[in-house]
Amino acid sequence: MRRAASVLLIVMGAASPALAQAGAGSFGVDAMLAPNARLGLAYYLTDGLSVRPWLGLGYAGGYGFYANVGAQLRYELAAGWTLSPYLSGSAQYSHSDAAAIVEPGAPGSRGGSQLAVVGDGGQFGAGAGLRYRVGNDMALFAEGRVLYATYPIGELKRGWTTFDINQRARGEVVLGFSYLFH
């Protein structure tokens, strides 16, 4: 995390002065602090419409190697304002060497539960948020979103601002900041 923060600060320091509003063709960097720490990119298709792809790689003791790739489409309702609400939709593909999941009451199981190994799956979500422009090139954001998974996610570990809705859905609060290159 220290390395990622250092790289982000160097990139921000080397950037040229920015204009007050994101325009078509602008790039940005998103740093999320919750539900877990990660960096993402942003590309503005128009003043208010952006696509935000990400790639996550890692290794967890009990699960082995994992990777995910996804993208968010975000539309800001008042892109030129200091405080702008936005809507978002996201999709993510995840892969893990072994993710053990207990499915309660699975058909054909004894004792009411069954251990399943899920290595691949998708998550789809929608959300709404608020972006607060701190300066010409920096903004803070907070977003609430609901995610649906193609596999039971009840037993998987997640960030500190997530909560379970049911076996395949969860809610999360995303907190972070963006830096915009013009």
C-alpha atoms as a PDB file:
ATOM      1  CA  MET A   1       0.000   0.000   0.000  1.00  0.00           C
ATOM      2  CA  ARG A   2       2.889   2.385   0.768  1.00  0.00           C
ATOM      3  CA  ARG A   3       4.336   1.741  -2.672  1.00  0.00           C
ATOM      4  CA  ALA A   4       0.977   2.454  -4.359  1.00  0.00           C
ATOM      5  CA  ALA A   5       0.531   5.670  -2.361  1.00  0.00           C
ATOM      6  CA  SER A   6       4.082   6.801  -3.239  1.00  0.00           C
ATOM      7  CA  VAL A   7       3.503   6.171  -6.949  1.00  0.00           C
ATOM      8  CA  LEU A   8       0.216   8.077  -6.800  1.00  0.00           C
ATOM      9  CA  LEU A   9       1.856  11.082  -5.097  1.00  0.00           C
ATOM     10  CA  ILE A  10       4.699  11.140  -7.663  1.00  0.00           C
ATOM     11  CA  VAL A  11       2.235  10.981 -10.566  1.00  0.00           C
ATOM     12  CA  MET A  12       0.113  13.749  -9.047  1.00  0.00           C
ATOM     13  CA  GLY A  13       3.162  15.948  -8.456  1.00  0.00           C
ATOM     14  CA  ALA A  14       4.405  15.525 -12.020  1.00  0.00           C
ATOM     15  CA  ALA A  15       1.041  16.284 -13.606  1.00  0.00           C
ATOM     16  CA  SER A  16       0.420  19.520 -15.464  1.00  0.00           C
ATOM     17  CA  PRO A  17      -2.062  22.072 -14.073  1.00  0.00           C
ATOM     18  CA  ALA A  18      -5.636  21.028 -14.728  1.00  0.00           C
ATOM     19  CA  LEU A  19      -8.811  22.770 -15.783  1.00  0.00           C
ATOM     20  CA  ALA A  20     -11.878  23.021 -13.571  1.00  0.00           C
ATOM     21  CA  GLN A  21     -13.964  20.392 -15.366  1.00  0.00           C
ATOM     22  CA  ALA A  22     -13.349  16.965 -16.832  1.00  0.00           C
ATOM     23  CA  GLY A  23     -13.863  16.934 -20.566  1.00  0.00           C
ATOM     24  CA  ALA A  24     -14.075  14.195 -23.165  1.00  0.00           C
ATOM     25  CA  GLY A  25     -10.748  12.422 -23.439  1.00  0.00           C
ATOM     26  CA  SER A  26      -9.559  13.264 -19.910  1.00  0.00           C
ATOM     27  CA  PHE A  27      -7.840  10.609 -17.787  1.00  0.00           C
ATOM     28  CA  GLY A  28      -7.944  10.199 -14.042  1.00  0.00           C
ATOM     29  CA  VAL A  29      -6.717   7.996 -11.210  1.00  0.00           C
ATOM     30  CA  ASP A  30      -9.041   6.767  -8.450  1.00  0.00           C
ATOM     31  CA  ALA A  31      -7.724   5.710  -5.047  1.00  0.00           C
ATOM     32  CA  MET A  32     -10.295   3.774  -3.026  1.00  0.00           C
ATOM     33  CA  LEU A  33      -9.865   3.560   0.742  1.00  0.00           C
ATOM     34  CA  ALA A  34     -12.970   1.492   1.464  1.00  0.00           C
ATOM     35  CA  PRO A  35     -14.205  -1.219   1.304  1.00  0.00           C
ATOM     36  CA  ASN A  36     -10.555  -2.100   0.607  1.00  0.00           C
ATOM     37  CA  ALA A  37      -7.539  -0.210  -0.715  1.00  0.00           C
ATOM     38  CA  ARG A  38      -7.086  -0.200  -4.491  1.00  0.00           C
ATOM     39  CA  LEU A  39      -6.205   2.026  -7.419  1.00  0.00           C
ATOM     40  CA  GLY A  40      -8.257   2.429 -10.569  1.00  0.00           C
ATOM     41  CA  LEU A  41      -8.262   4.460 -13.761  1.00  0.00           C
ATOM     42  CA  ALA A  42     -10.900   6.754 -15.212  1.00  0.00           C
ATOM     43  CA  TYR A  43     -11.471   7.817 -18.808  1.00  0.00           C
ATOM     44  CA  TYR A  44     -14.086  10.470 -19.593  1.00  0.00           C
ATOM     45  CA  LEU A  45     -16.118   9.707 -22.725  1.00  0.00           C
ATOM     46  CA  THR A  46     -18.030  13.003 -22.283  1.00  0.00           C
ATOM     47  CA  ASP A  47     -18.034  15.696 -19.557  1.00  0.00           C
ATOM     48  CA  GLY A  48     -20.186  13.571 -17.239  1.00  0.00           C
ATOM     49  CA  LEU A  49     -19.824   9.997 -18.536  1.00  0.00           C
ATOM     50  CA  SER A  50     -16.738   8.001 -17.594  1.00  0.00           C
ATOM     51  CA  VAL A  51     -15.576   4.395 -17.734  1.00  0.00           C
ATOM     52  CA  ARG A  52     -13.398   3.184 -14.834  1.00  0.00           C
ATOM     53  CA  PRO A  53     -11.600  -0.143 -15.445  1.00  0.00           C
ATOM     54  CA  TRP A  54      -9.596  -2.020 -12.782  1.00  0.00           C
ATOM     55  CA  LEU A  55      -7.411  -5.065 -12.362  1.00  0.00           C
ATOM     56  CA  GLY A  56      -6.767  -6.742  -9.023  1.00  0.00           C
ATOM     57  CA  LEU A  57      -4.170  -9.416  -8.300  1.00  0.00           C
ATOM     58  CA  GLY A  58      -3.170 -11.007  -5.026  1.00  0.00           C
ATOM     59  CA  TYR A  59      -2.435 -14.023  -2.904  1.00  0.00           C
ATOM     60  CA  ALA A  60      -4.285 -15.118   0.227  1.00  0.00           C
ATOM     61  CA  GLY A  61      -3.021 -17.854   2.548  1.00  0.00           C
ATOM     62  CA  GLY A  62      -6.060 -20.161   2.495  1.00  0.00           C
ATOM     63  CA  TYR A  63      -7.244 -19.327  -0.998  1.00  0.00           C
ATOM     64  CA  GLY A  64      -4.083 -19.061  -3.096  1.00  0.00           C
ATOM     65  CA  PHE A  65      -3.770 -16.747  -6.102  1.00  0.00           C
ATOM     66  CA  TYR A  66      -6.739 -14.579  -7.011  1.00  0.00           C
ATOM     67  CA  ALA A  67      -7.438 -12.052  -9.732  1.00  0.00           C
ATOM     68  CA  ASN A  68     -10.310  -9.856 -10.789  1.00  0.00           C
ATOM     69  CA  VAL A  69     -10.942  -7.557 -13.688  1.00  0.00           C
ATOM     70  CA  GLY A  70     -13.866  -5.214 -14.039  1.00  0.00           C
ATOM     71  CA  ALA A  71     -15.197  -1.845 -15.053  1.00  0.00           C
ATOM     72  CA  GLN A  72     -17.620   0.761 -13.823  1.00  0.00           C
ATOM     73  CA  LEU A  73     -19.652   3.121 -15.976  1.00  0.00           C
ATOM     74  CA  ARG A  74     -20.363   6.371 -14.090  1.00  0.00           C
ATOM     75  CA  TYR A  75     -22.643   9.233 -15.082  1.00  0.00           C
ATOM     76  CA  GLU A  76     -22.370  12.523 -13.165  1.00  0.00           C
ATOM     77  CA  LEU A  77     -25.640  14.441 -13.154  1.00  0.00           C
ATOM     78  CA  ALA A  78     -23.993  17.848 -12.607  1.00  0.00           C
ATOM     79  CA  ALA A  79     -20.426  17.385 -13.871  1.00  0.00           C
ATOM     80  CA  GLY A  80     -19.474  21.074 -13.727  1.00  0.00           C
ATOM     81  CA  TRP A  81     -20.624  21.639 -10.161  1.00  0.00           C
ATOM     82  CA  THR A  82     -18.511  21.435  -7.010  1.00  0.00           C
ATOM     83  CA  LEU A  83     -20.917  18.863  -5.543  1.00  0.00           C
ATOM     84  CA  SER A  84     -22.229  16.380  -8.102  1.00  0.00           C
ATOM     85  CA  PRO A  85     -24.445  13.322  -7.615  1.00  0.00           C
ATOM     86  CA  TYR A  86     -23.796  10.361  -9.903  1.00  0.00           C
ATOM     87  CA  LEU A  87     -25.159   6.952 -10.900  1.00  0.00           C
ATOM     88  CA  SER A  88     -23.027   3.921 -11.651  1.00  0.00           C
ATOM     89  CA  GLY A  89     -23.152   0.386 -12.996  1.00  0.00           C
ATOM     90  CA  SER A  90     -20.356  -2.155 -12.686  1.00  0.00           C
ATOM     91  CA  ALA A  91     -19.348  -5.650 -13.781  1.00  0.00           C
ATOM     92  CA  GLN A  92     -16.461  -7.776 -12.528  1.00  0.00           C
ATOM     93  CA  TYR A  93     -14.992 -11.193 -13.332  1.00  0.00           C
ATOM     94  CA  SER A  94     -13.130 -12.946 -10.504  1.00  0.00           C
ATOM     95  CA  HIS A  95     -10.852 -15.984 -10.451  1.00  0.00           C
ATOM     96  CA  SER A  96      -9.458 -17.806  -7.423  1.00  0.00           C
ATOM     97  CA  ASP A  97      -7.449 -21.032  -7.234  1.00  0.00           C
ATOM     98  CA  ALA A  98      -9.794 -22.319  -4.543  1.00  0.00           C
ATOM     99  CA  ALA A  99     -12.568 -20.443  -2.829  1.00  0.00           C
ATOM    100  CA  ALA A 100     -14.403 -22.751  -0.450  1.00  0.00           C
ATOM    101  CA  ILE A 101     -18.003 -21.773   0.077  1.00  0.00           C
ATOM    102  CA  VAL A 102     -20.571 -23.475   2.300  1.00  0.00           C
ATOM    103  CA  GLU A 103     -23.992 -23.510   0.686  1.00  0.00           C
ATOM    104  CA  PRO A 104     -26.702 -24.055   3.307  1.00  0.00           C
ATOM    105  CA  GLY A 105     -29.438 -26.463   2.335  1.00  0.00           C
ATOM    106  CA  ALA A 106     -27.854 -27.435  -0.993  1.00  0.00           C
ATOM    107  CA  PRO A 107     -29.754 -30.229  -2.809  1.00  0.00           C
ATOM    108  CA  GLY A 108     -28.445 -33.719  -2.074  1.00  0.00           C
ATOM    109  CA  SER A 109     -26.415 -32.647   0.952  1.00  0.00           C
ATOM    110  CA  ARG A 110     -26.465 -34.288   4.368  1.00  0.00           C
ATOM    111  CA  GLY A 111     -26.733 -32.100   7.405  1.00  0.00           C
ATOM    112  CA  GLY A 112     -28.181 -29.226   5.444  1.00  0.00           C
ATOM    113  CA  SER A 113     -24.968 -27.802   3.951  1.00  0.00           C
ATOM    114  CA  GLN A 114     -22.424 -28.604   1.289  1.00  0.00           C
ATOM    115  CA  LEU A 115     -18.884 -27.404   0.631  1.00  0.00           C
ATOM    116  CA  ALA A 116     -18.435 -26.145  -2.922  1.00  0.00           C
ATOM    117  CA  VAL A 117     -15.303 -24.905  -4.645  1.00  0.00           C
ATOM    118  CA  VAL A 118     -15.906 -21.927  -6.871  1.00  0.00           C
ATOM    119  CA  GLY A 119     -12.962 -20.744  -8.959  1.00  0.00           C
ATOM    120  CA  ASP A 120     -14.612 -18.288 -11.337  1.00  0.00           C
ATOM    121  CA  GLY A 121     -17.581 -15.993 -11.182  1.00  0.00           C
ATOM    122  CA  GLY A 122     -19.053 -12.643 -11.988  1.00  0.00           C
ATOM    123  CA  GLN A 123     -20.423  -9.755  -9.983  1.00  0.00           C
ATOM    124  CA  PHE A 124     -22.784  -7.091 -11.270  1.00  0.00           C
ATOM    125  CA  GLY A 125     -23.808  -3.957  -9.432  1.00  0.00           C
ATOM    126  CA  ALA A 126     -25.490  -0.584  -9.431  1.00  0.00           C
ATOM    127  CA  GLY A 127     -24.996   2.390  -7.179  1.00  0.00           C
ATOM    128  CA  ALA A 128     -25.362   6.070  -6.513  1.00  0.00           C
ATOM    129  CA  GLY A 129     -22.815   8.459  -5.110  1.00  0.00           C
ATOM    130  CA  LEU A 130     -21.692  11.979  -4.513  1.00  0.00           C
ATOM    131  CA  ARG A 131     -18.513  13.600  -5.831  1.00  0.00           C
ATOM    132  CA  TYR A 132     -17.091  16.681  -4.077  1.00  0.00           C
ATOM    133  CA  ARG A 133     -14.521  18.672  -6.053  1.00  0.00           C
ATOM    134  CA  VAL A 134     -11.739  19.782  -3.674  1.00  0.00           C
ATOM    135  CA  GLY A 135      -9.699  21.636  -6.296  1.00  0.00           C
ATOM    136  CA  ASN A 136      -9.269  21.881 -10.057  1.00  0.00           C
ATOM    137  CA  ASP A 137      -7.884  18.366 -10.316  1.00  0.00           C
ATOM    138  CA  MET A 138      -8.832  16.588  -7.066  1.00  0.00           C
ATOM    139  CA  ALA A 139     -12.185  15.218  -5.853  1.00  0.00           C
ATOM    140  CA  LEU A 140     -13.484  13.127  -2.962  1.00  0.00           C
ATOM    141  CA  PHE A 141     -16.281  10.632  -3.532  1.00  0.00           C
ATOM    142  CA  ALA A 142     -18.619   8.392  -1.554  1.00  0.00           C
ATOM    143  CA  GLU A 143     -20.858   5.786  -3.135  1.00  0.00           C
ATOM    144  CA  GLY A 144     -23.369   3.216  -1.975  1.00  0.00           C
ATOM    145  CA  ARG A 145     -23.807   0.197  -4.208  1.00  0.00           C
ATOM    146  CA  VAL A 146     -25.446  -3.211  -4.298  1.00  0.00           C
ATOM    147  CA  LEU A 147     -23.620  -6.132  -5.919  1.00  0.00           C
ATOM    148  CA  TYR A 148     -25.054  -9.446  -7.116  1.00  0.00           C
ATOM    149  CA  ALA A 149     -22.736 -12.440  -7.608  1.00  0.00           C
ATOM    150  CA  THR A 150     -23.202 -15.463  -9.863  1.00  0.00           C
ATOM    151  CA  TYR A 151     -21.981 -17.648  -6.965  1.00  0.00           C
ATOM    152  CA  PRO A 152     -22.726 -17.697  -3.216  1.00  0.00           C
ATOM    153  CA  ILE A 153     -20.591 -14.997  -1.586  1.00  0.00           C
ATOM    154  CA  GLY A 154     -21.719 -15.399   2.004  1.00  0.00           C
ATOM    155  CA  GLU A 155     -18.453 -16.940   3.223  1.00  0.00           C
ATOM    156  CA  LEU A 156     -15.947 -14.801   1.295  1.00  0.00           C
ATOM    157  CA  LYS A 157     -14.026 -12.077   3.113  1.00  0.00           C
ATOM    158  CA  ARG A 158     -14.634  -8.496   2.054  1.00  0.00           C
ATOM    159  CA  GLY A 159     -13.749  -4.970   3.113  1.00  0.00           C
ATOM    160  CA  TRP A 160     -14.757  -3.170   6.277  1.00  0.00           C
ATOM    161  CA  THR A 161     -17.641  -1.185   4.733  1.00  0.00           C
ATOM    162  CA  THR A 162     -19.562  -4.130   3.266  1.00  0.00           C
ATOM    163  CA  PHE A 163     -22.618  -5.942   4.548  1.00  0.00           C
ATOM    164  CA  ASP A 164     -24.426  -9.085   3.410  1.00  0.00           C
ATOM    165  CA  ILE A 165     -27.912  -8.850   1.954  1.00  0.00           C
ATOM    166  CA  ASN A 166     -28.290 -12.564   1.141  1.00  0.00           C
ATOM    167  CA  GLN A 167     -26.127 -15.457  -0.140  1.00  0.00           C
ATOM    168  CA  ARG A 168     -25.546 -13.816  -3.530  1.00  0.00           C
ATOM    169  CA  ALA A 169     -25.909 -10.103  -2.837  1.00  0.00           C
ATOM    170  CA  ARG A 170     -24.092  -7.584  -0.705  1.00  0.00           C
ATOM    171  CA  GLY A 171     -24.039  -3.864  -0.164  1.00  0.00           C
ATOM    172  CA  GLU A 172     -20.946  -1.739   0.177  1.00  0.00           C
ATOM    173  CA  VAL A 173     -19.968   1.835   0.840  1.00  0.00           C
ATOM    174  CA  VAL A 174     -17.070   3.032  -1.319  1.00  0.00           C
ATOM    175  CA  LEU A 175     -14.904   5.932  -0.141  1.00  0.00           C
ATOM    176  CA  GLY A 176     -12.045   7.438  -2.107  1.00  0.00           C
ATOM    177  CA  PHE A 177     -10.559  10.296  -4.061  1.00  0.00           C
ATOM    178  CA  SER A 178      -9.835  11.017  -7.719  1.00  0.00           C
ATOM    179  CA  TYR A 179      -7.069  12.916  -9.441  1.00  0.00           C
ATOM    180  CA  LEU A 180      -7.807  14.212 -12.945  1.00  0.00           C
ATOM    181  CA  PHE A 181      -5.268  14.743 -15.737  1.00  0.00           C
ATOM    182  CA  HIS A 182      -6.401  17.179 -18.457  1.00  0.00           C
END
